[in-house]
Amino acid sequence: MGIISDIFGKRAKERAIRLKIIKKLDGRAIKYVIERLPDDEFVIGRSGALILKGDELLVYADEKVLFRADINTLDASELLSREGVILTAPDLEHGGATRTIVAYYTYFMA
């Protein structure tokens, strides 16, 4: 049942929606990026972009890669205000630790 539900079921729809959001992020300019921890949030970068490169999404700011994740393991959801996106995944750039970051767009669609 796992394979059939992956192809036709709820998981397939969720994956399709997630990939649609991720593909829409490619090339988006970002104002700043924060990292969410269980009891705190702090700014980790400013002025950058979200870049889709092969099967990876890169968050680039302050002239360096702040976050790099495989799109197949990435959980992406837009903020309700549409001012940015929440990304949660193992960060390939920093040893594979699971991180949650929020990237705020320079310009957002209303």
PDB file of N, CA and C in Angstrom:
ATOM      1  N   MET A   1       0.814  -1.195   0.000  1.00  0.00           N
ATOM      2  CA  MET A   1       0.000   0.000   0.000  1.00  0.00           C
ATOM      3  C   MET A   1       0.853   1.252   0.000  1.00  0.00           C
ATOM      4  N   GLY A   2       2.046   1.209   0.540  1.00  0.00           N
ATOM      5  CA  GLY A   2       2.920   2.367   0.608  1.00  0.00           C
ATOM      6  C   GLY A   2       3.267   2.921  -0.769  1.00  0.00           C
ATOM      7  N   ILE A   3       3.581   2.033  -1.705  1.00  0.00           N
ATOM      8  CA  ILE A   3       3.949   2.474  -3.052  1.00  0.00           C
ATOM      9  C   ILE A   3       2.750   3.079  -3.769  1.00  0.00           C
ATOM     10  N   ILE A   4       1.585   2.450  -3.640  1.00  0.00           N
ATOM     11  CA  ILE A   4       0.380   2.958  -4.306  1.00  0.00           C
ATOM     12  C   ILE A   4      -0.023   4.310  -3.739  1.00  0.00           C
ATOM     13  N   SER A   5       0.056   4.469  -2.427  1.00  0.00           N
ATOM     14  CA  SER A   5      -0.307   5.766  -1.841  1.00  0.00           C
ATOM     15  C   SER A   5       0.711   6.843  -2.203  1.00  0.00           C
ATOM     16  N   ASP A   6       1.977   6.451  -2.411  1.00  0.00           N
ATOM     17  CA  ASP A   6       2.984   7.424  -2.852  1.00  0.00           C
ATOM     18  C   ASP A   6       2.685   7.934  -4.254  1.00  0.00           C
ATOM     19  N   ILE A   7       2.127   7.065  -5.102  1.00  0.00           N
ATOM     20  CA  ILE A   7       1.851   7.441  -6.489  1.00  0.00           C
ATOM     21  C   ILE A   7       0.522   8.170  -6.628  1.00  0.00           C
ATOM     22  N   PHE A   8      -0.525   7.707  -5.934  1.00  0.00           N
ATOM     23  CA  PHE A   8      -1.866   8.235  -6.155  1.00  0.00           C
ATOM     24  C   PHE A   8      -2.509   8.900  -4.939  1.00  0.00           C
ATOM     25  N   GLY A   9      -1.995   8.670  -3.773  1.00  0.00           N
ATOM     26  CA  GLY A   9      -2.678   9.088  -2.561  1.00  0.00           C
ATOM     27  C   GLY A   9      -2.319  10.463  -2.047  1.00  0.00           C
ATOM     28  N   LYS A  10      -2.620  10.629  -0.788  1.00  0.00           N
ATOM     29  CA  LYS A  10      -2.421  11.903  -0.107  1.00  0.00           C
ATOM     30  C   LYS A  10      -0.946  12.328  -0.121  1.00  0.00           C
ATOM     31  N   ARG A  11      -0.040  11.359   0.062  1.00  0.00           N
ATOM     32  CA  ARG A  11       1.389  11.683   0.054  1.00  0.00           C
ATOM     33  C   ARG A  11       1.831  12.253  -1.287  1.00  0.00           C
ATOM     34  N   ALA A  12       1.302  11.736  -2.367  1.00  0.00           N
ATOM     35  CA  ALA A  12       1.656  12.239  -3.703  1.00  0.00           C
ATOM     36  C   ALA A  12       1.188  13.672  -3.878  1.00  0.00           C
ATOM     37  N   LYS A  13      -0.007  13.983  -3.389  1.00  0.00           N
ATOM     38  CA  LYS A  13      -0.523  15.350  -3.488  1.00  0.00           C
ATOM     39  C   LYS A  13       0.308  16.306  -2.642  1.00  0.00           C
ATOM     40  N   GLU A  14       0.650  15.883  -1.430  1.00  0.00           N
ATOM     41  CA  GLU A  14       1.467  16.718  -0.550  1.00  0.00           C
ATOM     42  C   GLU A  14       2.838  16.977  -1.176  1.00  0.00           C
ATOM     43  N   ARG A  15       3.436  15.949  -1.752  1.00  0.00           N
ATOM     44  CA  ARG A  15       4.747  16.087  -2.387  1.00  0.00           C
ATOM     45  C   ARG A  15       4.662  17.018  -3.593  1.00  0.00           C
ATOM     46  N   ALA A  16       3.616  16.897  -4.379  1.00  0.00           N
ATOM     47  CA  ALA A  16       3.442  17.763  -5.550  1.00  0.00           C
ATOM     48  C   ALA A  16       3.291  19.225  -5.128  1.00  0.00           C
ATOM     49  N   ILE A  17       2.540  19.469  -4.069  1.00  0.00           N
ATOM     50  CA  ILE A  17       2.364  20.835  -3.568  1.00  0.00           C
ATOM     51  C   ILE A  17       3.699  21.373  -3.050  1.00  0.00           C
ATOM     52  N   ARG A  18       4.428  20.551  -2.311  1.00  0.00           N
ATOM     53  CA  ARG A  18       5.723  20.964  -1.770  1.00  0.00           C
ATOM     54  C   ARG A  18       6.703  21.297  -2.896  1.00  0.00           C
ATOM     55  N   LEU A  19       6.758  20.458  -3.932  1.00  0.00           N
ATOM     56  CA  LEU A  19       7.664  20.713  -5.053  1.00  0.00           C
ATOM     57  C   LEU A  19       7.256  21.961  -5.833  1.00  0.00           C
ATOM     58  N   LYS A  20       5.966  22.226  -5.927  1.00  0.00           N
ATOM     59  CA  LYS A  20       5.494  23.435  -6.601  1.00  0.00           C
ATOM     60  C   LYS A  20       5.975  24.677  -5.844  1.00  0.00           C
ATOM     61  N   ILE A  21       5.865  24.663  -4.524  1.00  0.00           N
ATOM     62  CA  ILE A  21       6.339  25.782  -3.697  1.00  0.00           C
ATOM     63  C   ILE A  21       7.848  25.953  -3.867  1.00  0.00           C
ATOM     64  N   ILE A  22       8.597  24.853  -3.830  1.00  0.00           N
ATOM     65  CA  ILE A  22      10.051  24.915  -3.935  1.00  0.00           C
ATOM     66  C   ILE A  22      10.475  25.478  -5.292  1.00  0.00           C
ATOM     67  N   LYS A  23       9.855  25.030  -6.369  1.00  0.00           N
ATOM     68  CA  LYS A  23      10.206  25.534  -7.703  1.00  0.00           C
ATOM     69  C   LYS A  23       9.874  27.015  -7.852  1.00  0.00           C
ATOM     70  N   LYS A  24       8.832  27.466  -7.179  1.00  0.00           N
ATOM     71  CA  LYS A  24       8.451  28.880  -7.225  1.00  0.00           C
ATOM     72  C   LYS A  24       9.486  29.756  -6.508  1.00  0.00           C
ATOM     73  N   LEU A  25      10.252  29.175  -5.593  1.00  0.00           N
ATOM     74  CA  LEU A  25      11.237  29.922  -4.816  1.00  0.00           C
ATOM     75  C   LEU A  25      12.495  30.265  -5.613  1.00  0.00           C
ATOM     76  N   ASP A  26      12.769  29.529  -6.665  1.00  0.00           N
ATOM     77  CA  ASP A  26      14.017  29.704  -7.405  1.00  0.00           C
ATOM     78  C   ASP A  26      14.189  31.138  -7.894  1.00  0.00           C
ATOM     79  N   GLY A  27      15.284  31.750  -7.484  1.00  0.00           N
ATOM     80  CA  GLY A  27      15.606  33.097  -7.916  1.00  0.00           C
ATOM     81  C   GLY A  27      15.004  34.210  -7.076  1.00  0.00           C
ATOM     82  N   ARG A  28      14.234  33.866  -6.045  1.00  0.00           N
ATOM     83  CA  ARG A  28      13.618  34.908  -5.207  1.00  0.00           C
ATOM     84  C   ARG A  28      14.682  35.641  -4.400  1.00  0.00           C
ATOM     85  N   ALA A  29      14.629  36.964  -4.446  1.00  0.00           N
ATOM     86  CA  ALA A  29      15.530  37.784  -3.633  1.00  0.00           C
ATOM     87  C   ALA A  29      15.028  37.779  -2.197  1.00  0.00           C
ATOM     88  N   ILE A  30      15.971  37.705  -1.263  1.00  0.00           N
ATOM     89  CA  ILE A  30      15.594  37.703   0.149  1.00  0.00           C
ATOM     90  C   ILE A  30      16.224  38.885   0.881  1.00  0.00           C
ATOM     91  N   LYS A  31      15.439  39.427   1.787  1.00  0.00           N
ATOM     92  CA  LYS A  31      15.853  40.575   2.597  1.00  0.00           C
ATOM     93  C   LYS A  31      16.729  40.106   3.754  1.00  0.00           C
ATOM     94  N   TYR A  32      16.248  39.105   4.482  1.00  0.00           N
ATOM     95  CA  TYR A  32      17.022  38.540   5.578  1.00  0.00           C
ATOM     96  C   TYR A  32      16.540  37.140   5.893  1.00  0.00           C
ATOM     97  N   VAL A  33      17.362  36.399   6.656  1.00  0.00           N
ATOM     98  CA  VAL A  33      17.088  35.008   7.004  1.00  0.00           C
ATOM     99  C   VAL A  33      17.246  34.867   8.513  1.00  0.00           C
ATOM    100  N   ILE A  34      16.270  34.204   9.143  1.00  0.00           N
ATOM    101  CA  ILE A  34      16.396  33.913  10.571  1.00  0.00           C
ATOM    102  C   ILE A  34      16.427  32.406  10.768  1.00  0.00           C
ATOM    103  N   GLU A  35      17.052  31.977  11.845  1.00  0.00           N
ATOM    104  CA  GLU A  35      17.028  30.570  12.230  1.00  0.00           C
ATOM    105  C   GLU A  35      16.145  30.430  13.445  1.00  0.00           C
ATOM    106  N   ARG A  36      15.271  29.436  13.423  1.00  0.00           N
ATOM    107  CA  ARG A  36      14.391  29.161  14.561  1.00  0.00           C
ATOM    108  C   ARG A  36      14.968  28.032  15.388  1.00  0.00           C
ATOM    109  N   LEU A  37      15.124  28.312  16.653  1.00  0.00           N
ATOM    110  CA  LEU A  37      15.535  27.309  17.628  1.00  0.00           C
ATOM    111  C   LEU A  37      14.365  27.098  18.582  1.00  0.00           C
ATOM    112  N   PRO A  38      14.383  26.038  19.393  1.00  0.00           N
ATOM    113  CA  PRO A  38      13.238  25.781  20.281  1.00  0.00           C
ATOM    114  C   PRO A  38      12.833  26.962  21.159  1.00  0.00           C
ATOM    115  N   ASP A  39      13.797  27.754  21.602  1.00  0.00           N
ATOM    116  CA  ASP A  39      13.452  28.847  22.514  1.00  0.00           C
ATOM    117  C   ASP A  39      13.944  30.217  22.050  1.00  0.00           C
ATOM    118  N   ASP A  40      14.358  30.330  20.781  1.00  0.00           N
ATOM    119  CA  ASP A  40      14.903  31.604  20.317  1.00  0.00           C
ATOM    120  C   ASP A  40      14.878  31.684  18.791  1.00  0.00           C
ATOM    121  N   GLU A  41      14.991  32.876  18.273  1.00  0.00           N
ATOM    122  CA  GLU A  41      15.144  33.142  16.846  1.00  0.00           C
ATOM    123  C   GLU A  41      16.212  34.207  16.700  1.00  0.00           C
ATOM    124  N   PHE A  42      17.049  34.076  15.681  1.00  0.00           N
ATOM    125  CA  PHE A  42      18.032  35.122  15.448  1.00  0.00           C
ATOM    126  C   PHE A  42      18.373  35.216  13.970  1.00  0.00           C
ATOM    127  N   VAL A  43      18.789  36.405  13.542  1.00  0.00           N
ATOM    128  CA  VAL A  43      19.129  36.668  12.146  1.00  0.00           C
ATOM    129  C   VAL A  43      20.474  36.020  11.842  1.00  0.00           C
ATOM    130  N   ILE A  44      20.518  35.248  10.740  1.00  0.00           N
ATOM    131  CA  ILE A  44      21.775  34.600  10.350  1.00  0.00           C
ATOM    132  C   ILE A  44      22.320  35.161   9.039  1.00  0.00           C
ATOM    133  N   GLY A  45      21.543  35.985   8.340  1.00  0.00           N
ATOM    134  CA  GLY A  45      22.039  36.558   7.094  1.00  0.00           C
ATOM    135  C   GLY A  45      21.102  37.610   6.529  1.00  0.00           C
ATOM    136  N   ARG A  46      21.671  38.466   5.682  1.00  0.00           N
ATOM    137  CA  ARG A  46      20.906  39.536   5.030  1.00  0.00           C
ATOM    138  C   ARG A  46      21.300  39.616   3.555  1.00  0.00           C
ATOM    139  N   SER A  47      20.381  40.125   2.736  1.00  0.00           N
ATOM    140  CA  SER A  47      20.627  40.365   1.314  1.00  0.00           C
ATOM    141  C   SER A  47      21.129  39.126   0.595  1.00  0.00           C
ATOM    142  N   GLY A  48      20.223  38.413  -0.023  1.00  0.00           N
ATOM    143  CA  GLY A  48      20.620  37.213  -0.734  1.00  0.00           C
ATOM    144  C   GLY A  48      19.541  36.727  -1.672  1.00  0.00           C
ATOM    145  N   ALA A  49      19.560  35.418  -1.911  1.00  0.00           N
ATOM    146  CA  ALA A  49      18.601  34.811  -2.837  1.00  0.00           C
ATOM    147  C   ALA A  49      18.404  33.339  -2.499  1.00  0.00           C
ATOM    148  N   LEU A  50      17.288  32.811  -2.965  1.00  0.00           N
ATOM    149  CA  LEU A  50      17.001  31.380  -2.894  1.00  0.00           C
ATOM    150  C   LEU A  50      17.321  30.821  -4.275  1.00  0.00           C
ATOM    151  N   ILE A  51      18.133  29.779  -4.330  1.00  0.00           N
ATOM    152  CA  ILE A  51      18.601  29.249  -5.599  1.00  0.00           C
ATOM    153  C   ILE A  51      18.334  27.747  -5.654  1.00  0.00           C
ATOM    154  N   LEU A  52      17.680  27.304  -6.706  1.00  0.00           N
ATOM    155  CA  LEU A  52      17.447  25.881  -6.943  1.00  0.00           C
ATOM    156  C   LEU A  52      18.535  25.401  -7.888  1.00  0.00           C
ATOM    157  N   LYS A  53      19.367  24.480  -7.417  1.00  0.00           N
ATOM    158  CA  LYS A  53      20.492  23.982  -8.209  1.00  0.00           C
ATOM    159  C   LYS A  53      20.417  22.462  -8.223  1.00  0.00           C
ATOM    160  N   GLY A  54      19.968  21.908  -9.331  1.00  0.00           N
ATOM    161  CA  GLY A  54      19.765  20.462  -9.405  1.00  0.00           C
ATOM    162  C   GLY A  54      18.657  20.050  -8.462  1.00  0.00           C
ATOM    163  N   ASP A  55      18.960  19.126  -7.563  1.00  0.00           N
ATOM    164  CA  ASP A  55      17.992  18.653  -6.570  1.00  0.00           C
ATOM    165  C   ASP A  55      18.211  19.299  -5.211  1.00  0.00           C
ATOM    166  N   GLU A  56      18.857  20.452  -5.180  1.00  0.00           N
ATOM    167  CA  GLU A  56      19.126  21.117  -3.915  1.00  0.00           C
ATOM    168  C   GLU A  56      18.631  22.558  -3.946  1.00  0.00           C
ATOM    169  N   LEU A  57      18.162  23.017  -2.797  1.00  0.00           N
ATOM    170  CA  LEU A  57      17.785  24.411  -2.629  1.00  0.00           C
ATOM    171  C   LEU A  57      18.846  25.055  -1.748  1.00  0.00           C
ATOM    172  N   LEU A  58      19.397  26.165  -2.227  1.00  0.00           N
ATOM    173  CA  LEU A  58      20.417  26.893  -1.484  1.00  0.00           C
ATOM    174  C   LEU A  58      19.853  28.224  -1.029  1.00  0.00           C
ATOM    175  N   VAL A  59      20.158  28.576   0.206  1.00  0.00           N
ATOM    176  CA  VAL A  59      19.833  29.897   0.731  1.00  0.00           C
ATOM    177  C   VAL A  59      21.161  30.636   0.807  1.00  0.00           C
ATOM    178  N   TYR A  60      21.280  31.650  -0.044  1.00  0.00           N
ATOM    179  CA  TYR A  60      22.532  32.387  -0.178  1.00  0.00           C
ATOM    180  C   TYR A  60      22.331  33.798   0.349  1.00  0.00           C
ATOM    181  N   ALA A  61      23.172  34.213   1.285  1.00  0.00           N
ATOM    182  CA  ALA A  61      23.107  35.574   1.833  1.00  0.00           C
ATOM    183  C   ALA A  61      24.468  35.918   2.425  1.00  0.00           C
ATOM    184  N   ASP A  62      24.746  37.192   2.525  1.00  0.00           N
ATOM    185  CA  ASP A  62      26.032  37.662   3.048  1.00  0.00           C
ATOM    186  C   ASP A  62      27.209  37.006   2.322  1.00  0.00           C
ATOM    187  N   GLU A  63      27.041  36.786   1.016  1.00  0.00           N
ATOM    188  CA  GLU A  63      28.087  36.224   0.150  1.00  0.00           C
ATOM    189  C   GLU A  63      28.525  34.813   0.533  1.00  0.00           C
ATOM    190  N   LYS A  64      27.611  34.037   1.140  1.00  0.00           N
ATOM    191  CA  LYS A  64      27.914  32.640   1.468  1.00  0.00           C
ATOM    192  C   LYS A  64      26.624  31.830   1.490  1.00  0.00           C
ATOM    193  N   VAL A  65      26.756  30.518   1.427  1.00  0.00           N
ATOM    194  CA  VAL A  65      25.611  29.622   1.500  1.00  0.00           C
ATOM    195  C   VAL A  65      25.291  29.405   2.976  1.00  0.00           C
ATOM    196  N   LEU A  66      24.086  29.830   3.377  1.00  0.00           N
ATOM    197  CA  LEU A  66      23.667  29.684   4.771  1.00  0.00           C
ATOM    198  C   LEU A  66      22.980  28.352   5.042  1.00  0.00           C
ATOM    199  N   PHE A  67      22.360  27.799   3.983  1.00  0.00           N
ATOM    200  CA  PHE A  67      21.540  26.596   4.151  1.00  0.00           C
ATOM    201  C   PHE A  67      21.481  25.890   2.806  1.00  0.00           C
ATOM    202  N   ARG A  68      21.671  24.567   2.803  1.00  0.00           N
ATOM    203  CA  ARG A  68      21.596  23.783   1.564  1.00  0.00           C
ATOM    204  C   ARG A  68      20.878  22.482   1.894  1.00  0.00           C
ATOM    205  N   ALA A  69      19.805  22.209   1.154  1.00  0.00           N
ATOM    206  CA  ALA A  69      19.005  21.017   1.457  1.00  0.00           C
ATOM    207  C   ALA A  69      18.550  20.320   0.185  1.00  0.00           C
ATOM    208  N   ASP A  70      18.435  19.006   0.275  1.00  0.00           N
ATOM    209  CA  ASP A  70      17.890  18.196  -0.809  1.00  0.00           C
ATOM    210  C   ASP A  70      16.384  18.465  -0.875  1.00  0.00           C
ATOM    211  N   ILE A  71      15.860  18.743  -2.066  1.00  0.00           N
ATOM    212  CA  ILE A  71      14.438  19.097  -2.177  1.00  0.00           C
ATOM    213  C   ILE A  71      13.521  17.922  -1.840  1.00  0.00           C
ATOM    214  N   ASN A  72      14.039  16.703  -1.882  1.00  0.00           N
ATOM    215  CA  ASN A  72      13.214  15.534  -1.553  1.00  0.00           C
ATOM    216  C   ASN A  72      12.992  15.385  -0.051  1.00  0.00           C
ATOM    217  N   THR A  73      13.824  16.008   0.763  1.00  0.00           N
ATOM    218  CA  THR A  73      13.655  15.934   2.215  1.00  0.00           C
ATOM    219  C   THR A  73      13.255  17.279   2.807  1.00  0.00           C
ATOM    220  N   LEU A  74      13.130  18.279   1.970  1.00  0.00           N
ATOM    221  CA  LEU A  74      12.835  19.638   2.411  1.00  0.00           C
ATOM    222  C   LEU A  74      11.345  19.840   2.646  1.00  0.00           C
ATOM    223  N   ASP A  75      11.012  20.408   3.795  1.00  0.00           N
ATOM    224  CA  ASP A  75       9.641  20.799   4.091  1.00  0.00           C
ATOM    225  C   ASP A  75       9.582  22.314   3.941  1.00  0.00           C
ATOM    226  N   ALA A  76       8.802  22.785   2.971  1.00  0.00           N
ATOM    227  CA  ALA A  76       8.711  24.221   2.693  1.00  0.00           C
ATOM    228  C   ALA A  76       7.262  24.671   2.787  1.00  0.00           C
ATOM    229  N   SER A  77       7.046  25.782   3.499  1.00  0.00           N
ATOM    230  CA  SER A  77       5.698  26.343   3.577  1.00  0.00           C
ATOM    231  C   SER A  77       5.800  27.861   3.652  1.00  0.00           C
ATOM    232  N   GLU A  78       4.949  28.532   2.887  1.00  0.00           N
ATOM    233  CA  GLU A  78       4.968  29.985   2.885  1.00  0.00           C
ATOM    234  C   GLU A  78       4.299  30.525   4.137  1.00  0.00           C
ATOM    235  N   LEU A  79       4.777  31.672   4.576  1.00  0.00           N
ATOM    236  CA  LEU A  79       4.129  32.364   5.683  1.00  0.00           C
ATOM    237  C   LEU A  79       2.745  32.810   5.231  1.00  0.00           C
ATOM    238  N   LEU A  80       1.796  32.896   6.140  1.00  0.00           N
ATOM    239  CA  LEU A  80       0.442  33.323   5.778  1.00  0.00           C
ATOM    240  C   LEU A  80       0.435  34.722   5.170  1.00  0.00           C
ATOM    241  N   SER A  81       1.372  35.552   5.576  1.00  0.00           N
ATOM    242  CA  SER A  81       1.459  36.908   5.039  1.00  0.00           C
ATOM    243  C   SER A  81       2.079  36.930   3.643  1.00  0.00           C
ATOM    244  N   ARG A  82       2.629  35.805   3.199  1.00  0.00           N
ATOM    245  CA  ARG A  82       3.351  35.667   1.931  1.00  0.00           C
ATOM    246  C   ARG A  82       4.600  36.533   1.865  1.00  0.00           C
ATOM    247  N   GLU A  83       5.129  36.903   3.017  1.00  0.00           N
ATOM    248  CA  GLU A  83       6.348  37.700   3.080  1.00  0.00           C
ATOM    249  C   GLU A  83       7.608  36.845   3.067  1.00  0.00           C
ATOM    250  N   GLY A  84       7.443  35.529   3.170  1.00  0.00           N
ATOM    251  CA  GLY A  84       8.607  34.661   3.209  1.00  0.00           C
ATOM    252  C   GLY A  84       8.220  33.199   3.237  1.00  0.00           C
ATOM    253  N   VAL A  85       9.219  32.364   3.492  1.00  0.00           N
ATOM    254  CA  VAL A  85       9.024  30.916   3.474  1.00  0.00           C
ATOM    255  C   VAL A  85       9.760  30.289   4.651  1.00  0.00           C
ATOM    256  N   ILE A  86       9.147  29.251   5.214  1.00  0.00           N
ATOM    257  CA  ILE A  86       9.762  28.471   6.300  1.00  0.00           C
ATOM    258  C   ILE A  86      10.339  27.203   5.673  1.00  0.00           C
ATOM    259  N   LEU A  87      11.605  26.944   5.924  1.00  0.00           N
ATOM    260  CA  LEU A  87      12.290  25.774   5.372  1.00  0.00           C
ATOM    261  C   LEU A  87      12.825  24.923   6.511  1.00  0.00           C
ATOM    262  N   THR A  88      12.491  23.632   6.492  1.00  0.00           N
ATOM    263  CA  THR A  88      12.984  22.694   7.500  1.00  0.00           C
ATOM    264  C   THR A  88      13.532  21.470   6.783  1.00  0.00           C
ATOM    265  N   ALA A  89      14.793  21.139   7.082  1.00  0.00           N
ATOM    266  CA  ALA A  89      15.429  19.974   6.455  1.00  0.00           C
ATOM    267  C   ALA A  89      16.801  19.759   7.056  1.00  0.00           C
ATOM    268  N   PRO A  90      17.378  18.577   6.810  1.00  0.00           N
ATOM    269  CA  PRO A  90      18.790  18.397   7.166  1.00  0.00           C
ATOM    270  C   PRO A  90      19.633  19.347   6.307  1.00  0.00           C
ATOM    271  N   ASP A  91      20.480  20.126   6.941  1.00  0.00           N
ATOM    272  CA  ASP A  91      21.303  21.112   6.249  1.00  0.00           C
ATOM    273  C   ASP A  91      22.599  20.456   5.792  1.00  0.00           C
ATOM    274  N   LEU A  92      22.723  20.243   4.494  1.00  0.00           N
ATOM    275  CA  LEU A  92      23.896  19.578   3.931  1.00  0.00           C
ATOM    276  C   LEU A  92      25.148  20.443   4.030  1.00  0.00           C
ATOM    277  N   GLU A  93      24.970  21.726   4.167  1.00  0.00           N
ATOM    278  CA  GLU A  93      26.096  22.655   4.268  1.00  0.00           C
ATOM    279  C   GLU A  93      26.745  22.628   5.655  1.00  0.00           C
ATOM    280  N   HIS A  94      25.979  22.233   6.656  1.00  0.00           N
ATOM    281  CA  HIS A  94      26.462  22.264   8.039  1.00  0.00           C
ATOM    282  C   HIS A  94      26.325  20.901   8.715  1.00  0.00           C
ATOM    283  N   GLY A  95      26.821  19.872   8.086  1.00  0.00           N
ATOM    284  CA  GLY A  95      26.913  18.553   8.709  1.00  0.00           C
ATOM    285  C   GLY A  95      25.643  17.732   8.774  1.00  0.00           C
ATOM    286  N   GLY A  96      24.578  18.129   8.108  1.00  0.00           N
ATOM    287  CA  GLY A  96      23.365  17.333   8.068  1.00  0.00           C
ATOM    288  C   GLY A  96      22.427  17.499   9.247  1.00  0.00           C
ATOM    289  N   ALA A  97      22.684  18.459  10.113  1.00  0.00           N
ATOM    290  CA  ALA A  97      21.785  18.705  11.245  1.00  0.00           C
ATOM    291  C   ALA A  97      20.481  19.312  10.734  1.00  0.00           C
ATOM    292  N   THR A  98      19.356  18.879  11.270  1.00  0.00           N
ATOM    293  CA  THR A  98      18.065  19.419  10.864  1.00  0.00           C
ATOM    294  C   THR A  98      17.909  20.826  11.424  1.00  0.00           C
ATOM    295  N   ARG A  99      17.622  21.759  10.524  1.00  0.00           N
ATOM    296  CA  ARG A  99      17.463  23.166  10.905  1.00  0.00           C
ATOM    297  C   ARG A  99      16.166  23.704  10.340  1.00  0.00           C
ATOM    298  N   THR A 100      15.629  24.705  11.015  1.00  0.00           N
ATOM    299  CA  THR A 100      14.461  25.436  10.534  1.00  0.00           C
ATOM    300  C   THR A 100      14.875  26.885  10.370  1.00  0.00           C
ATOM    301  N   ILE A 101      14.709  27.376   9.137  1.00  0.00           N
ATOM    302  CA  ILE A 101      15.024  28.775   8.874  1.00  0.00           C
ATOM    303  C   ILE A 101      13.822  29.441   8.209  1.00  0.00           C
ATOM    304  N   VAL A 102      13.762  30.748   8.325  1.00  0.00           N
ATOM    305  CA  VAL A 102      12.717  31.535   7.664  1.00  0.00           C
ATOM    306  C   VAL A 102      13.423  32.570   6.808  1.00  0.00           C
ATOM    307  N   ALA A 103      13.131  32.550   5.514  1.00  0.00           N
ATOM    308  CA  ALA A 103      13.707  33.517   4.586  1.00  0.00           C
ATOM    309  C   ALA A 103      12.607  34.515   4.213  1.00  0.00           C
ATOM    310  N   TYR A 104      12.860  35.786   4.466  1.00  0.00           N
ATOM    311  CA  TYR A 104      11.898  36.846   4.162  1.00  0.00           C
ATOM    312  C   TYR A 104      12.241  37.469   2.812  1.00  0.00           C
ATOM    313  N   TYR A 105      11.259  37.502   1.911  1.00  0.00           N
ATOM    314  CA  TYR A 105      11.467  38.030   0.566  1.00  0.00           C
ATOM    315  C   TYR A 105      11.708  39.536   0.587  1.00  0.00           C
ATOM    316  N   THR A 106      12.478  40.005  -0.389  1.00  0.00           N
ATOM    317  CA  THR A 106      12.673  41.437  -0.581  1.00  0.00           C
ATOM    318  C   THR A 106      11.356  42.054  -1.048  1.00  0.00           C
ATOM    319  N   TYR A 107      10.721  41.400  -1.998  1.00  0.00           N
ATOM    320  CA  TYR A 107       9.407  41.800  -2.478  1.00  0.00           C
ATOM    321  C   TYR A 107       8.499  40.618  -2.331  1.00  0.00           C
ATOM    322  N   PHE A 108       7.249  40.842  -1.929  1.00  0.00           N
ATOM    323  CA  PHE A 108       6.335  39.724  -1.777  1.00  0.00           C
ATOM    324  C   PHE A 108       5.070  39.982  -2.573  1.00  0.00           C
ATOM    325  N   MET A 109       4.438  38.889  -2.961  1.00  0.00           N
ATOM    326  CA  MET A 109       3.198  38.943  -3.742  1.00  0.00           C
ATOM    327  C   MET A 109       2.020  39.004  -2.800  1.00  0.00           C
ATOM    328  N   ALA A 110       1.148  39.953  -2.980  1.00  0.00           N
ATOM    329  CA  ALA A 110      -0.032  40.086  -2.116  1.00  0.00           C
ATOM    330  C   ALA A 110      -1.165  39.213  -2.580  1.00  0.00           C
TER     331      ALA A 110
END
